[in-house]
Amino acid sequence: MVISGGLSVLAGTSFATMSASATSGLSTLAGYSAFGAFWFLVSAITLNIRSRRENR
């Protein structure tokens, strides 16, 4: 969760900086969203596997 929060702070700062440029677009935001979805999917799978191992 700490890593995710840190990445969100960096991404937010990046988005705020890029919003002032004339070439800002949604492609960076879409990339961030895709990476976030992947990160949370990996986290959910990892937690599920750990939970199943502990319950054995």
PDB file of N, CA and C in Angstrom:
ATOM      1  N   MET A   1       0.823  -1.185   0.000  1.00  0.00           N
ATOM      2  CA  MET A   1       0.000   0.000   0.000  1.00  0.00           C
ATOM      3  C   MET A   1       0.871   1.255   0.000  1.00  0.00           C
ATOM      4  N   VAL A   2       2.009   1.168   0.649  1.00  0.00           N
ATOM      5  CA  VAL A   2       2.917   2.314   0.676  1.00  0.00           C
ATOM      6  C   VAL A   2       3.447   2.590  -0.732  1.00  0.00           C
ATOM      7  N   ILE A   3       3.819   1.539  -1.426  1.00  0.00           N
ATOM      8  CA  ILE A   3       4.320   1.699  -2.800  1.00  0.00           C
ATOM      9  C   ILE A   3       3.238   2.294  -3.683  1.00  0.00           C
ATOM     10  N   SER A   4       2.030   1.783  -3.561  1.00  0.00           N
ATOM     11  CA  SER A   4       0.915   2.282  -4.360  1.00  0.00           C
ATOM     12  C   SER A   4       0.650   3.755  -4.068  1.00  0.00           C
ATOM     13  N   GLY A   5       0.676   4.129  -2.802  1.00  0.00           N
ATOM     14  CA  GLY A   5       0.470   5.530  -2.441  1.00  0.00           C
ATOM     15  C   GLY A   5       1.564   6.423  -2.982  1.00  0.00           C
ATOM     16  N   GLY A   6       2.804   5.954  -2.888  1.00  0.00           N
ATOM     17  CA  GLY A   6       3.921   6.734  -3.429  1.00  0.00           C
ATOM     18  C   GLY A   6       3.812   6.927  -4.930  1.00  0.00           C
ATOM     19  N   LEU A   7       3.424   5.858  -5.629  1.00  0.00           N
ATOM     20  CA  LEU A   7       3.244   5.962  -7.082  1.00  0.00           C
ATOM     21  C   LEU A   7       2.102   6.918  -7.424  1.00  0.00           C
ATOM     22  N   SER A   8       1.065   6.913  -6.620  1.00  0.00           N
ATOM     23  CA  SER A   8      -0.051   7.823  -6.867  1.00  0.00           C
ATOM     24  C   SER A   8       0.364   9.278  -6.683  1.00  0.00           C
ATOM     25  N   VAL A   9       1.185   9.537  -5.685  1.00  0.00           N
ATOM     26  CA  VAL A   9       1.677  10.905  -5.474  1.00  0.00           C
ATOM     27  C   VAL A   9       2.529  11.351  -6.659  1.00  0.00           C
ATOM     28  N   LEU A  10       3.422  10.475  -7.100  1.00  0.00           N
ATOM     29  CA  LEU A  10       4.259  10.807  -8.259  1.00  0.00           C
ATOM     30  C   LEU A  10       3.421  11.018  -9.507  1.00  0.00           C
ATOM     31  N   ALA A  11       2.451  10.156  -9.723  1.00  0.00           N
ATOM     32  CA  ALA A  11       1.591  10.293 -10.899  1.00  0.00           C
ATOM     33  C   ALA A  11       0.771  11.569 -10.830  1.00  0.00           C
ATOM     34  N   GLY A  12       0.228  11.881  -9.663  1.00  0.00           N
ATOM     35  CA  GLY A  12      -0.550  13.108  -9.513  1.00  0.00           C
ATOM     36  C   GLY A  12       0.273  14.350  -9.788  1.00  0.00           C
ATOM     37  N   THR A  13       1.492  14.355  -9.294  1.00  0.00           N
ATOM     38  CA  THR A  13       2.392  15.476  -9.560  1.00  0.00           C
ATOM     39  C   THR A  13       2.684  15.584 -11.050  1.00  0.00           C
ATOM     40  N   SER A  14       2.919  14.445 -11.664  1.00  0.00           N
ATOM     41  CA  SER A  14       3.182  14.413 -13.104  1.00  0.00           C
ATOM     42  C   SER A  14       1.981  14.922 -13.897  1.00  0.00           C
ATOM     43  N   PHE A  15       0.776  14.481 -13.523  1.00  0.00           N
ATOM     44  CA  PHE A  15      -0.425  14.932 -14.229  1.00  0.00           C
ATOM     45  C   PHE A  15      -0.640  16.427 -14.068  1.00  0.00           C
ATOM     46  N   ALA A  16      -0.400  16.940 -12.877  1.00  0.00           N
ATOM     47  CA  ALA A  16      -0.567  18.373 -12.642  1.00  0.00           C
ATOM     48  C   ALA A  16       0.424  19.176 -13.474  1.00  0.00           C
ATOM     49  N   THR A  17       1.648  18.668 -13.575  1.00  0.00           N
ATOM     50  CA  THR A  17       2.670  19.357 -14.368  1.00  0.00           C
ATOM     51  C   THR A  17       2.328  19.313 -15.856  1.00  0.00           C
ATOM     52  N   MET A  18       1.903  18.162 -16.329  1.00  0.00           N
ATOM     53  CA  MET A  18       1.600  18.009 -17.755  1.00  0.00           C
ATOM     54  C   MET A  18       0.319  18.708 -18.176  1.00  0.00           C
ATOM     55  N   SER A  19      -0.585  18.975 -17.243  1.00  0.00           N
ATOM     56  CA  SER A  19      -1.849  19.608 -17.620  1.00  0.00           C
ATOM     57  C   SER A  19      -1.646  21.028 -18.133  1.00  0.00           C
ATOM     58  N   ALA A  20      -0.547  21.635 -17.773  1.00  0.00           N
ATOM     59  CA  ALA A  20      -0.274  22.996 -18.221  1.00  0.00           C
ATOM     60  C   ALA A  20       0.284  23.040 -19.646  1.00  0.00           C
ATOM     61  N   SER A  21       0.730  21.892 -20.169  1.00  0.00           N
ATOM     62  CA  SER A  21       1.317  21.899 -21.508  1.00  0.00           C
ATOM     63  C   SER A  21       0.230  21.861 -22.577  1.00  0.00           C
ATOM     64  N   ALA A  22       0.575  22.316 -23.749  1.00  0.00           N
ATOM     65  CA  ALA A  22      -0.380  22.358 -24.856  1.00  0.00           C
ATOM     66  C   ALA A  22      -0.638  20.967 -25.433  1.00  0.00           C
ATOM     67  N   THR A  23       0.240  20.018 -25.166  1.00  0.00           N
ATOM     68  CA  THR A  23       0.100  18.685 -25.755  1.00  0.00           C
ATOM     69  C   THR A  23      -0.435  17.658 -24.755  1.00  0.00           C
ATOM     70  N   SER A  24      -1.065  18.129 -23.684  1.00  0.00           N
ATOM     71  CA  SER A  24      -1.569  17.182 -22.696  1.00  0.00           C
ATOM     72  C   SER A  24      -2.716  16.372 -23.288  1.00  0.00           C
ATOM     73  N   GLY A  25      -2.793  15.111 -22.887  1.00  0.00           N
ATOM     74  CA  GLY A  25      -3.838  14.239 -23.394  1.00  0.00           C
ATOM     75  C   GLY A  25      -4.165  13.155 -22.396  1.00  0.00           C
ATOM     76  N   LEU A  26      -5.044  12.283 -22.784  1.00  0.00           N
ATOM     77  CA  LEU A  26      -5.485  11.221 -21.891  1.00  0.00           C
ATOM     78  C   LEU A  26      -4.631   9.959 -21.975  1.00  0.00           C
ATOM     79  N   SER A  27      -3.676   9.918 -22.887  1.00  0.00           N
ATOM     80  CA  SER A  27      -2.884   8.696 -23.041  1.00  0.00           C
ATOM     81  C   SER A  27      -2.061   8.393 -21.790  1.00  0.00           C
ATOM     82  N   THR A  28      -1.538   9.400 -21.141  1.00  0.00           N
ATOM     83  CA  THR A  28      -0.772   9.177 -19.913  1.00  0.00           C
ATOM     84  C   THR A  28      -1.678   8.697 -18.793  1.00  0.00           C
ATOM     85  N   LEU A  29      -2.836   9.274 -18.693  1.00  0.00           N
ATOM     86  CA  LEU A  29      -3.799   8.856 -17.684  1.00  0.00           C
ATOM     87  C   LEU A  29      -4.256   7.425 -17.925  1.00  0.00           C
ATOM     88  N   ALA A  30      -4.463   7.063 -19.170  1.00  0.00           N
ATOM     89  CA  ALA A  30      -4.859   5.695 -19.503  1.00  0.00           C
ATOM     90  C   ALA A  30      -3.753   4.707 -19.150  1.00  0.00           C
ATOM     91  N   GLY A  31      -2.517   5.072 -19.392  1.00  0.00           N
ATOM     92  CA  GLY A  31      -1.390   4.221 -19.023  1.00  0.00           C
ATOM     93  C   GLY A  31      -1.291   4.033 -17.524  1.00  0.00           C
ATOM     94  N   TYR A  32      -1.499   5.105 -16.785  1.00  0.00           N
ATOM     95  CA  TYR A  32      -1.476   5.021 -15.319  1.00  0.00           C
ATOM     96  C   TYR A  32      -2.600   4.124 -14.819  1.00  0.00           C
ATOM     97  N   SER A  33      -3.772   4.265 -15.394  1.00  0.00           N
ATOM     98  CA  SER A  33      -4.913   3.446 -14.986  1.00  0.00           C
ATOM     99  C   SER A  33      -4.671   1.973 -15.290  1.00  0.00           C
ATOM    100  N   ALA A  34      -4.102   1.680 -16.446  1.00  0.00           N
ATOM    101  CA  ALA A  34      -3.811   0.289 -16.809  1.00  0.00           C
ATOM    102  C   ALA A  34      -2.769  -0.302 -15.861  1.00  0.00           C
ATOM    103  N   PHE A  35      -1.735   0.459 -15.550  1.00  0.00           N
ATOM    104  CA  PHE A  35      -0.718  -0.024 -14.622  1.00  0.00           C
ATOM    105  C   PHE A  35      -1.327  -0.247 -13.240  1.00  0.00           C
ATOM    106  N   GLY A  36      -2.184   0.657 -12.787  1.00  0.00           N
ATOM    107  CA  GLY A  36      -2.838   0.508 -11.490  1.00  0.00           C
ATOM    108  C   GLY A  36      -3.721  -0.724 -11.437  1.00  0.00           C
ATOM    109  N   ALA A  37      -4.459  -0.965 -12.511  1.00  0.00           N
ATOM    110  CA  ALA A  37      -5.306  -2.157 -12.567  1.00  0.00           C
ATOM    111  C   ALA A  37      -4.461  -3.416 -12.502  1.00  0.00           C
ATOM    112  N   PHE A  38      -3.359  -3.437 -13.228  1.00  0.00           N
ATOM    113  CA  PHE A  38      -2.464  -4.591 -13.206  1.00  0.00           C
ATOM    114  C   PHE A  38      -1.874  -4.787 -11.811  1.00  0.00           C
ATOM    115  N   TRP A  39      -1.434  -3.703 -11.191  1.00  0.00           N
ATOM    116  CA  TRP A  39      -0.826  -3.764  -9.858  1.00  0.00           C
ATOM    117  C   TRP A  39      -1.809  -4.334  -8.838  1.00  0.00           C
ATOM    118  N   PHE A  40      -3.051  -3.865  -8.858  1.00  0.00           N
ATOM    119  CA  PHE A  40      -4.037  -4.347  -7.899  1.00  0.00           C
ATOM    120  C   PHE A  40      -4.456  -5.785  -8.201  1.00  0.00           C
ATOM    121  N   LEU A  41      -4.461  -6.179  -9.453  1.00  0.00           N
ATOM    122  CA  LEU A  41      -4.744  -7.571  -9.809  1.00  0.00           C
ATOM    123  C   LEU A  41      -3.662  -8.487  -9.259  1.00  0.00           C
ATOM    124  N   VAL A  42      -2.410  -8.113  -9.427  1.00  0.00           N
ATOM    125  CA  VAL A  42      -1.300  -8.903  -8.883  1.00  0.00           C
ATOM    126  C   VAL A  42      -1.391  -8.962  -7.360  1.00  0.00           C
ATOM    127  N   SER A  43      -1.725  -7.861  -6.723  1.00  0.00           N
ATOM    128  CA  SER A  43      -1.867  -7.836  -5.264  1.00  0.00           C
ATOM    129  C   SER A  43      -2.993  -8.753  -4.804  1.00  0.00           C
ATOM    130  N   ALA A  44      -4.114  -8.729  -5.491  1.00  0.00           N
ATOM    131  CA  ALA A  44      -5.247  -9.570  -5.111  1.00  0.00           C
ATOM    132  C   ALA A  44      -4.909 -11.047  -5.267  1.00  0.00           C
ATOM    133  N   ILE A  45      -4.246 -11.399  -6.344  1.00  0.00           N
ATOM    134  CA  ILE A  45      -3.860 -12.794  -6.559  1.00  0.00           C
ATOM    135  C   ILE A  45      -2.873 -13.236  -5.487  1.00  0.00           C
ATOM    136  N   THR A  46      -1.903 -12.396  -5.183  1.00  0.00           N
ATOM    137  CA  THR A  46      -0.917 -12.721  -4.157  1.00  0.00           C
ATOM    138  C   THR A  46      -1.568 -12.912  -2.791  1.00  0.00           C
ATOM    139  N   LEU A  47      -2.466 -12.018  -2.426  1.00  0.00           N
ATOM    140  CA  LEU A  47      -3.161 -12.143  -1.144  1.00  0.00           C
ATOM    141  C   LEU A  47      -4.027 -13.393  -1.091  1.00  0.00           C
ATOM    142  N   ASN A  48      -4.655 -13.726  -2.202  1.00  0.00           N
ATOM    143  CA  ASN A  48      -5.486 -14.923  -2.272  1.00  0.00           C
ATOM    144  C   ASN A  48      -4.637 -16.180  -2.084  1.00  0.00           C
ATOM    145  N   ILE A  49      -3.505 -16.238  -2.732  1.00  0.00           N
ATOM    146  CA  ILE A  49      -2.609 -17.392  -2.606  1.00  0.00           C
ATOM    147  C   ILE A  49      -2.096 -17.509  -1.176  1.00  0.00           C
ATOM    148  N   ARG A  50      -1.691 -16.420  -0.588  1.00  0.00           N
ATOM    149  CA  ARG A  50      -1.205 -16.447   0.800  1.00  0.00           C
ATOM    150  C   ARG A  50      -2.293 -16.905   1.760  1.00  0.00           C
ATOM    151  N   SER A  51      -3.496 -16.412   1.548  1.00  0.00           N
ATOM    152  CA  SER A  51      -4.614 -16.789   2.409  1.00  0.00           C
ATOM    153  C   SER A  51      -4.897 -18.290   2.320  1.00  0.00           C
ATOM    154  N   ARG A  52      -4.875 -18.814   1.123  1.00  0.00           N
ATOM    155  CA  ARG A  52      -5.130 -20.254   0.946  1.00  0.00           C
ATOM    156  C   ARG A  52      -4.039 -21.095   1.578  1.00  0.00           C
ATOM    157  N   ARG A  53      -2.797 -20.652   1.485  1.00  0.00           N
ATOM    158  CA  ARG A  53      -1.683 -21.401   2.105  1.00  0.00           C
ATOM    159  C   ARG A  53      -1.779 -21.381   3.615  1.00  0.00           C
ATOM    160  N   GLU A  54      -2.201 -20.266   4.195  1.00  0.00           N
ATOM    161  CA  GLU A  54      -2.315 -20.169   5.641  1.00  0.00           C
ATOM    162  C   GLU A  54      -3.473 -21.007   6.185  1.00  0.00           C
ATOM    163  N   ASN A  55      -4.520 -21.183   5.385  1.00  0.00           N
ATOM    164  CA  ASN A  55      -5.686 -21.934   5.834  1.00  0.00           C
ATOM    165  C   ASN A  55      -5.500 -23.447   5.729  1.00  0.00           C
ATOM    166  N   ARG A  56      -4.426 -23.892   5.141  1.00  0.00           N
ATOM    167  CA  ARG A  56      -4.189 -25.339   5.018  1.00  0.00           C
ATOM    168  C   ARG A  56      -3.715 -25.915   6.278  1.00  0.00           C
TER     169      ARG A  56
END
